[in-house]
Amino acid sequence: MSHTPRNPDFETVVRDSFARQQVMGLVGATLTRVAPGEVEVELPFRADLTQQAGLVHAGITTTAIDTACGYAALTLMVPGSEVVSVNFNVSLLAPAVGGDLVARGRVVRSGRTITFTEGEAYVRAADGSEKQVASMTATMMRVEAG
């Protein structure tokens, strides 16, 4: 699906906002792709982000997808916007183990205030292959940057 950004500086806005999001720095995530209506976040596997069985914790996986979906929404918002999550549903499909986590978010419908997004998380193995581990639908809301 093709989207038209309402802010010509959308990529700078997204990257600057991501840099201020301390939780992404805490978990070591990076913003690897920003396009109109689409964002990708990568998170290197770290043992300190796992739960008791050695799998990436569901909360970490959810945080990564939520972030990708939120920033995908922000790419299509007017200048002076920030974004907050107002609802999401995540399904964990497979154990997140065996490589780095890649979260992708994309806009399904962008309105003036509310944006509906979908996202997925994958584990990327050393050979570059990916296995989907989670799926999310999320509703994002535009707020005034402050």
N, C-alpha and C. Protein backbone atom coordinates (compact mmCIF):
# COMPACT_ATOMS: atom_id res chain seq x y z
N MET A 1 0.84 -1.17 0.00
CA MET A 1 0.00 0.00 0.00
C MET A 1 0.89 1.24 0.00
N SER A 2 0.53 2.20 -0.80
CA SER A 2 1.30 3.44 -0.91
C SER A 2 0.67 4.51 -0.01
N HIS A 3 1.51 5.21 0.73
CA HIS A 3 1.05 6.28 1.63
C HIS A 3 1.78 7.57 1.28
N THR A 4 1.10 8.68 1.48
CA THR A 4 1.69 9.99 1.25
C THR A 4 1.89 10.68 2.59
N PRO A 5 3.14 10.97 2.95
CA PRO A 5 3.39 11.65 4.23
C PRO A 5 2.81 13.06 4.24
N ARG A 6 2.30 13.48 5.40
CA ARG A 6 1.79 14.84 5.57
C ARG A 6 2.89 15.79 6.04
N ASN A 7 4.05 15.22 6.36
CA ASN A 7 5.18 16.01 6.82
C ASN A 7 6.39 15.63 5.96
N PRO A 8 6.92 16.57 5.19
CA PRO A 8 8.06 16.24 4.33
C PRO A 8 9.30 15.82 5.13
N ASP A 9 9.35 16.19 6.41
CA ASP A 9 10.49 15.84 7.27
C ASP A 9 10.19 14.63 8.15
N PHE A 10 9.27 13.77 7.71
CA PHE A 10 8.81 12.65 8.55
C PHE A 10 9.96 11.77 9.03
N GLU A 11 10.94 11.51 8.17
CA GLU A 11 12.02 10.60 8.59
C GLU A 11 12.85 11.21 9.71
N THR A 12 13.18 12.48 9.61
CA THR A 12 13.93 13.15 10.66
C THR A 12 13.13 13.18 11.96
N VAL A 13 11.85 13.46 11.87
CA VAL A 13 10.98 13.50 13.06
C VAL A 13 10.98 12.13 13.74
N VAL A 14 10.81 11.07 12.96
CA VAL A 14 10.77 9.71 13.52
C VAL A 14 12.12 9.36 14.15
N ARG A 15 13.19 9.61 13.45
CA ARG A 15 14.51 9.24 13.97
C ARG A 15 14.86 10.05 15.24
N ASP A 16 14.50 11.33 15.26
CA ASP A 16 14.76 12.14 16.45
C ASP A 16 13.94 11.65 17.64
N SER A 17 12.68 11.33 17.40
CA SER A 17 11.82 10.83 18.47
C SER A 17 12.33 9.49 18.99
N PHE A 18 12.71 8.61 18.08
CA PHE A 18 13.23 7.30 18.48
C PHE A 18 14.47 7.46 19.35
N ALA A 19 15.32 8.41 18.99
CA ALA A 19 16.55 8.64 19.76
C ALA A 19 16.25 9.10 21.19
N ARG A 20 15.10 9.74 21.39
CA ARG A 20 14.71 10.19 22.73
C ARG A 20 13.99 9.11 23.54
N GLN A 21 13.62 8.01 22.89
CA GLN A 21 12.88 6.96 23.57
C GLN A 21 13.86 6.09 24.35
N GLN A 22 13.98 6.34 25.62
CA GLN A 22 15.01 5.71 26.44
C GLN A 22 14.87 4.20 26.53
N VAL A 23 13.66 3.68 26.46
CA VAL A 23 13.51 2.22 26.56
C VAL A 23 14.17 1.51 25.38
N MET A 24 14.16 2.13 24.22
CA MET A 24 14.81 1.50 23.06
C MET A 24 16.32 1.45 23.26
N GLY A 25 16.88 2.49 23.85
CA GLY A 25 18.30 2.49 24.18
C GLY A 25 18.61 1.45 25.24
N LEU A 26 17.74 1.32 26.22
CA LEU A 26 17.93 0.35 27.29
C LEU A 26 18.02 -1.07 26.76
N VAL A 27 17.17 -1.42 25.80
CA VAL A 27 17.18 -2.79 25.26
C VAL A 27 18.11 -2.95 24.06
N GLY A 28 18.72 -1.85 23.61
CA GLY A 28 19.69 -1.93 22.52
C GLY A 28 19.08 -1.98 21.13
N ALA A 29 17.86 -1.47 20.99
CA ALA A 29 17.18 -1.50 19.68
C ALA A 29 17.68 -0.37 18.79
N THR A 30 17.62 -0.61 17.50
CA THR A 30 17.95 0.41 16.51
C THR A 30 16.83 0.52 15.49
N LEU A 31 16.70 1.69 14.94
CA LEU A 31 15.73 1.97 13.89
C LEU A 31 16.43 1.72 12.57
N THR A 32 16.02 0.68 11.85
CA THR A 32 16.75 0.28 10.65
C THR A 32 16.08 0.68 9.35
N ARG A 33 14.79 0.99 9.40
CA ARG A 33 14.09 1.39 8.17
C ARG A 33 12.96 2.33 8.53
N VAL A 34 12.89 3.45 7.78
CA VAL A 34 11.79 4.41 7.93
C VAL A 34 11.33 4.77 6.52
N ALA A 35 10.07 4.49 6.23
CA ALA A 35 9.47 4.82 4.94
C ALA A 35 8.04 5.27 5.22
N PRO A 36 7.39 5.93 4.28
CA PRO A 36 6.01 6.37 4.53
C PRO A 36 5.11 5.18 4.91
N GLY A 37 4.62 5.20 6.15
CA GLY A 37 3.73 4.16 6.62
C GLY A 37 4.39 2.87 7.05
N GLU A 38 5.72 2.83 7.10
CA GLU A 38 6.44 1.61 7.46
C GLU A 38 7.69 1.91 8.27
N VAL A 39 7.92 1.08 9.29
CA VAL A 39 9.12 1.23 10.12
C VAL A 39 9.60 -0.16 10.52
N GLU A 40 10.92 -0.29 10.62
CA GLU A 40 11.53 -1.54 11.09
C GLU A 40 12.48 -1.22 12.23
N VAL A 41 12.38 -2.03 13.28
CA VAL A 41 13.22 -1.90 14.47
C VAL A 41 13.94 -3.23 14.66
N GLU A 42 15.24 -3.18 14.93
CA GLU A 42 16.00 -4.41 15.18
C GLU A 42 16.54 -4.40 16.60
N LEU A 43 16.55 -5.57 17.19
CA LEU A 43 16.98 -5.75 18.56
C LEU A 43 17.89 -6.96 18.63
N PRO A 44 19.18 -6.76 18.85
CA PRO A 44 20.10 -7.90 18.96
C PRO A 44 19.72 -8.79 20.13
N PHE A 45 19.86 -10.09 19.93
CA PHE A 45 19.58 -11.02 21.02
C PHE A 45 20.54 -10.75 22.17
N ARG A 46 19.98 -10.68 23.38
CA ARG A 46 20.78 -10.54 24.59
C ARG A 46 20.17 -11.41 25.67
N ALA A 47 21.00 -12.13 26.38
CA ALA A 47 20.52 -13.03 27.43
C ALA A 47 19.77 -12.27 28.52
N ASP A 48 20.13 -11.01 28.78
CA ASP A 48 19.45 -10.28 29.85
C ASP A 48 18.05 -9.80 29.45
N LEU A 49 17.61 -10.09 28.23
CA LEU A 49 16.26 -9.75 27.79
C LEU A 49 15.36 -10.98 27.71
N THR A 50 15.83 -12.09 28.27
CA THR A 50 15.08 -13.34 28.19
C THR A 50 14.31 -13.61 29.48
N GLN A 51 13.34 -14.51 29.35
CA GLN A 51 12.63 -14.98 30.53
C GLN A 51 13.32 -16.24 31.03
N GLN A 52 12.71 -16.92 31.98
CA GLN A 52 13.35 -18.02 32.69
C GLN A 52 13.77 -19.20 31.80
N ALA A 53 13.13 -19.37 30.63
CA ALA A 53 13.47 -20.49 29.74
C ALA A 53 14.46 -20.09 28.65
N GLY A 54 14.96 -18.86 28.70
CA GLY A 54 15.95 -18.42 27.72
C GLY A 54 15.36 -17.83 26.44
N LEU A 55 14.05 -17.59 26.43
CA LEU A 55 13.38 -16.99 25.27
C LEU A 55 13.29 -15.49 25.48
N VAL A 56 13.35 -14.71 24.39
CA VAL A 56 13.16 -13.27 24.53
C VAL A 56 11.80 -13.06 25.20
N HIS A 57 11.79 -12.26 26.23
CA HIS A 57 10.58 -12.04 27.02
C HIS A 57 9.47 -11.46 26.14
N ALA A 58 8.24 -11.92 26.35
CA ALA A 58 7.09 -11.45 25.58
C ALA A 58 6.93 -9.93 25.67
N GLY A 59 7.25 -9.37 26.82
CA GLY A 59 7.15 -7.92 26.99
C GLY A 59 8.14 -7.17 26.11
N ILE A 60 9.31 -7.73 25.93
CA ILE A 60 10.32 -7.12 25.06
C ILE A 60 9.86 -7.20 23.60
N THR A 61 9.37 -8.38 23.21
CA THR A 61 8.86 -8.56 21.84
C THR A 61 7.73 -7.59 21.57
N THR A 62 6.80 -7.49 22.51
CA THR A 62 5.65 -6.59 22.37
C THR A 62 6.10 -5.14 22.29
N THR A 63 7.05 -4.75 23.11
CA THR A 63 7.57 -3.38 23.10
C THR A 63 8.17 -3.04 21.73
N ALA A 64 8.91 -3.97 21.16
CA ALA A 64 9.53 -3.72 19.85
C ALA A 64 8.48 -3.54 18.75
N ILE A 65 7.46 -4.39 18.74
CA ILE A 65 6.42 -4.27 17.70
C ILE A 65 5.60 -2.99 17.92
N ASP A 66 5.25 -2.71 19.16
CA ASP A 66 4.50 -1.50 19.48
C ASP A 66 5.26 -0.26 19.00
N THR A 67 6.55 -0.25 19.22
CA THR A 67 7.38 0.88 18.78
C THR A 67 7.39 0.99 17.27
N ALA A 68 7.54 -0.13 16.58
CA ALA A 68 7.53 -0.11 15.10
C ALA A 68 6.19 0.40 14.58
N CYS A 69 5.10 -0.07 15.17
CA CYS A 69 3.77 0.37 14.74
C CYS A 69 3.56 1.86 15.03
N GLY A 70 3.97 2.31 16.20
CA GLY A 70 3.81 3.71 16.55
C GLY A 70 4.57 4.63 15.62
N TYR A 71 5.80 4.28 15.32
CA TYR A 71 6.58 5.13 14.42
C TYR A 71 6.12 5.03 12.98
N ALA A 72 5.57 3.88 12.58
CA ALA A 72 4.96 3.80 11.24
C ALA A 72 3.82 4.80 11.16
N ALA A 73 3.01 4.89 12.22
CA ALA A 73 1.92 5.86 12.26
C ALA A 73 2.45 7.29 12.20
N LEU A 74 3.51 7.58 12.95
CA LEU A 74 4.07 8.94 12.98
C LEU A 74 4.57 9.39 11.62
N THR A 75 5.01 8.47 10.77
CA THR A 75 5.50 8.87 9.44
C THR A 75 4.44 9.56 8.61
N LEU A 76 3.17 9.35 8.95
CA LEU A 76 2.08 9.91 8.15
C LEU A 76 1.34 11.06 8.84
N MET A 77 1.82 11.49 10.00
CA MET A 77 1.15 12.55 10.75
C MET A 77 1.68 13.93 10.36
N VAL A 78 0.88 14.94 10.64
CA VAL A 78 1.24 16.32 10.31
C VAL A 78 2.39 16.80 11.19
N PRO A 79 3.10 17.83 10.75
CA PRO A 79 4.16 18.40 11.59
C PRO A 79 3.61 18.79 12.96
N GLY A 80 4.45 18.65 13.99
CA GLY A 80 4.05 18.99 15.35
C GLY A 80 3.37 17.85 16.07
N SER A 81 3.46 16.64 15.52
CA SER A 81 2.79 15.48 16.10
C SER A 81 3.74 14.63 16.91
N GLU A 82 3.17 13.96 17.87
CA GLU A 82 3.76 12.81 18.55
C GLU A 82 2.70 11.73 18.50
N VAL A 83 3.06 10.54 18.91
CA VAL A 83 2.13 9.42 18.80
C VAL A 83 2.13 8.64 20.11
N VAL A 84 0.95 8.17 20.50
CA VAL A 84 0.83 7.29 21.66
C VAL A 84 -0.04 6.10 21.27
N SER A 85 0.24 4.97 21.88
CA SER A 85 -0.58 3.78 21.68
C SER A 85 -1.84 3.91 22.51
N VAL A 86 -2.98 3.55 21.92
CA VAL A 86 -4.22 3.55 22.69
C VAL A 86 -4.81 2.15 22.83
N ASN A 87 -4.37 1.24 21.99
CA ASN A 87 -4.84 -0.14 22.08
C ASN A 87 -3.95 -1.02 21.22
N PHE A 88 -3.66 -2.22 21.71
CA PHE A 88 -3.03 -3.21 20.83
C PHE A 88 -3.36 -4.61 21.29
N ASN A 89 -3.29 -5.52 20.33
CA ASN A 89 -3.50 -6.93 20.60
C ASN A 89 -2.32 -7.66 19.97
N VAL A 90 -1.65 -8.46 20.77
CA VAL A 90 -0.49 -9.19 20.27
C VAL A 90 -0.73 -10.69 20.42
N SER A 91 -0.35 -11.42 19.40
CA SER A 91 -0.39 -12.88 19.45
C SER A 91 1.04 -13.38 19.32
N LEU A 92 1.44 -14.17 20.28
CA LEU A 92 2.78 -14.76 20.27
C LEU A 92 2.66 -16.10 19.56
N LEU A 93 3.37 -16.25 18.44
CA LEU A 93 3.18 -17.38 17.54
C LEU A 93 4.22 -18.47 17.70
N ALA A 94 5.41 -18.10 18.16
CA ALA A 94 6.50 -19.07 18.29
C ALA A 94 7.51 -18.50 19.28
N PRO A 95 8.34 -19.35 19.88
CA PRO A 95 9.36 -18.85 20.80
C PRO A 95 10.34 -17.91 20.08
N ALA A 96 10.66 -16.80 20.73
CA ALA A 96 11.61 -15.84 20.18
C ALA A 96 13.01 -16.22 20.64
N VAL A 97 13.63 -17.11 19.90
CA VAL A 97 14.96 -17.60 20.24
C VAL A 97 15.69 -17.98 18.95
N GLY A 98 17.00 -17.87 18.96
CA GLY A 98 17.78 -18.31 17.81
C GLY A 98 18.34 -17.21 16.95
N GLY A 99 18.17 -15.96 17.36
CA GLY A 99 18.72 -14.86 16.57
C GLY A 99 18.21 -13.52 17.04
N ASP A 100 18.51 -12.50 16.26
CA ASP A 100 18.09 -11.15 16.59
C ASP A 100 16.59 -10.98 16.31
N LEU A 101 15.96 -10.07 17.02
CA LEU A 101 14.54 -9.78 16.84
C LEU A 101 14.39 -8.62 15.86
N VAL A 102 13.50 -8.78 14.89
CA VAL A 102 13.19 -7.73 13.92
C VAL A 102 11.69 -7.45 14.02
N ALA A 103 11.33 -6.21 14.29
CA ALA A 103 9.92 -5.82 14.39
C ALA A 103 9.60 -4.87 13.25
N ARG A 104 8.51 -5.16 12.55
CA ARG A 104 8.07 -4.32 11.44
C ARG A 104 6.65 -3.84 11.69
N GLY A 105 6.44 -2.55 11.52
CA GLY A 105 5.12 -1.96 11.66
C GLY A 105 4.73 -1.29 10.37
N ARG A 106 3.42 -1.33 10.07
CA ARG A 106 2.93 -0.66 8.85
C ARG A 106 1.53 -0.12 9.11
N VAL A 107 1.22 0.96 8.44
CA VAL A 107 -0.07 1.61 8.57
C VAL A 107 -1.07 0.93 7.66
N VAL A 108 -2.24 0.64 8.22
CA VAL A 108 -3.36 0.14 7.43
C VAL A 108 -4.25 1.30 7.03
N ARG A 109 -4.56 2.17 8.00
CA ARG A 109 -5.36 3.37 7.73
C ARG A 109 -4.90 4.50 8.64
N SER A 110 -4.64 5.65 8.01
CA SER A 110 -4.19 6.82 8.75
C SER A 110 -5.26 7.90 8.69
N GLY A 111 -5.74 8.31 9.86
CA GLY A 111 -6.70 9.41 9.94
C GLY A 111 -6.04 10.64 10.55
N ARG A 112 -6.83 11.67 10.81
CA ARG A 112 -6.29 12.90 11.40
C ARG A 112 -5.79 12.67 12.82
N THR A 113 -6.52 11.83 13.58
CA THR A 113 -6.17 11.60 14.98
C THR A 113 -5.81 10.15 15.26
N ILE A 114 -6.54 9.23 14.66
CA ILE A 114 -6.38 7.80 14.93
C ILE A 114 -5.78 7.10 13.71
N THR A 115 -4.81 6.24 13.97
CA THR A 115 -4.18 5.45 12.90
C THR A 115 -4.22 3.99 13.31
N PHE A 116 -4.64 3.13 12.39
CA PHE A 116 -4.67 1.69 12.64
C PHE A 116 -3.46 1.06 11.96
N THR A 117 -2.74 0.24 12.72
CA THR A 117 -1.50 -0.37 12.21
C THR A 117 -1.51 -1.87 12.43
N GLU A 118 -0.61 -2.54 11.73
CA GLU A 118 -0.33 -3.96 11.94
C GLU A 118 1.18 -4.12 12.03
N GLY A 119 1.60 -5.12 12.77
CA GLY A 119 3.03 -5.36 12.89
C GLY A 119 3.32 -6.82 13.14
N GLU A 120 4.56 -7.17 12.90
CA GLU A 120 5.04 -8.52 13.14
C GLU A 120 6.43 -8.45 13.74
N ALA A 121 6.78 -9.52 14.45
CA ALA A 121 8.15 -9.68 14.93
C ALA A 121 8.67 -10.99 14.37
N TYR A 122 9.93 -10.98 14.03
CA TYR A 122 10.61 -12.13 13.47
C TYR A 122 11.92 -12.35 14.22
N VAL A 123 12.37 -13.59 14.26
CA VAL A 123 13.72 -13.89 14.69
C VAL A 123 14.53 -14.11 13.43
N ARG A 124 15.64 -13.37 13.31
CA ARG A 124 16.51 -13.49 12.14
C ARG A 124 17.72 -14.32 12.52
N ALA A 125 17.89 -15.44 11.86
CA ALA A 125 19.02 -16.33 12.11
C ALA A 125 20.29 -15.77 11.46
N ALA A 126 21.41 -16.33 11.81
CA ALA A 126 22.71 -15.88 11.28
C ALA A 126 22.76 -15.96 9.75
N ASP A 127 22.03 -16.91 9.15
CA ASP A 127 22.04 -17.05 7.69
C ASP A 127 21.08 -16.08 6.99
N GLY A 128 20.40 -15.20 7.77
CA GLY A 128 19.49 -14.22 7.21
C GLY A 128 18.04 -14.68 7.11
N SER A 129 17.79 -15.94 7.35
CA SER A 129 16.41 -16.42 7.29
C SER A 129 15.63 -15.88 8.49
N GLU A 130 14.33 -15.75 8.32
CA GLU A 130 13.49 -15.21 9.37
C GLU A 130 12.34 -16.15 9.69
N LYS A 131 11.98 -16.16 10.99
CA LYS A 131 10.84 -16.94 11.46
C LYS A 131 9.93 -15.98 12.21
N GLN A 132 8.65 -15.91 11.82
CA GLN A 132 7.73 -15.01 12.51
C GLN A 132 7.42 -15.56 13.90
N VAL A 133 7.50 -14.68 14.90
CA VAL A 133 7.27 -15.09 16.28
C VAL A 133 6.08 -14.36 16.92
N ALA A 134 5.62 -13.26 16.31
CA ALA A 134 4.51 -12.52 16.89
C ALA A 134 3.82 -11.67 15.83
N SER A 135 2.56 -11.35 16.11
CA SER A 135 1.75 -10.50 15.24
C SER A 135 0.98 -9.53 16.12
N MET A 136 0.79 -8.30 15.64
CA MET A 136 0.10 -7.28 16.43
C MET A 136 -0.83 -6.46 15.54
N THR A 137 -1.96 -6.08 16.10
CA THR A 137 -2.77 -4.99 15.54
C THR A 137 -2.75 -3.90 16.62
N ALA A 138 -2.65 -2.66 16.18
CA ALA A 138 -2.52 -1.57 17.14
C ALA A 138 -3.18 -0.30 16.63
N THR A 139 -3.80 0.41 17.56
CA THR A 139 -4.39 1.70 17.28
C THR A 139 -3.53 2.78 17.93
N MET A 140 -3.14 3.75 17.14
CA MET A 140 -2.28 4.83 17.59
C MET A 140 -3.03 6.15 17.53
N MET A 141 -2.70 7.06 18.43
CA MET A 141 -3.37 8.37 18.46
C MET A 141 -2.33 9.48 18.33
N ARG A 142 -2.67 10.44 17.51
CA ARG A 142 -1.85 11.64 17.37
C ARG A 142 -2.08 12.56 18.56
N VAL A 143 -0.98 13.08 19.11
CA VAL A 143 -1.05 14.11 20.14
C VAL A 143 -0.11 15.23 19.73
N GLU A 144 -0.35 16.41 20.25
CA GLU A 144 0.53 17.54 19.98
C GLU A 144 1.89 17.30 20.62
N ALA A 145 2.94 17.55 19.85
CA ALA A 145 4.29 17.44 20.40
C ALA A 145 4.43 18.52 21.47
N GLY A 146 5.10 18.16 22.54
CA GLY A 146 5.18 19.14 23.60
C GLY A 146 6.45 19.13 24.24
